[in-house]
């Protein structure tokens, strides 16, 4: 079993190596999953992502800000059953406010500079997830929980 510091290091390494996550949102009828480019704050308390305001995910988030987000290290090979790590992030997504927009935007663009034009678009919303908990699965069935 890993301690809190080891789990944080594992998450930081995973988040630095992965560019995309699966975001799960929900409306009153059903769940919806989509790929998003993400970045994490160094303290692991927030995950930031961007989306067009015209998307189903944004509509779902406007109605219900609770999310689950999956990040993983799989390579689609048999070795993944022993070595892949998957993290489910549970939290609440909200639009980034004007006072903090510069910091979150800089964090996001440091990881995804190719999305600079997208982020600058007036139709784009920058969102932050306030992380409640991480569920970390490694070696196929070892599970750990971490509150940042």
Foldseek 3Di string as FASTA:
>chain_A
DDDQVVVLVVVVVQQLVDQKKWKWFDDPPGIDIDIWGWFADSVRQKIKTKDFCPDPRVVRLVRPFWMKIKGKDDPPDPCQLAFMKIKIWTFGKDFDDPVCVVVRVVRRCVRVVVCPVVCPDPRMTMIMTRTQKMWMDHNNHDIDIDGD
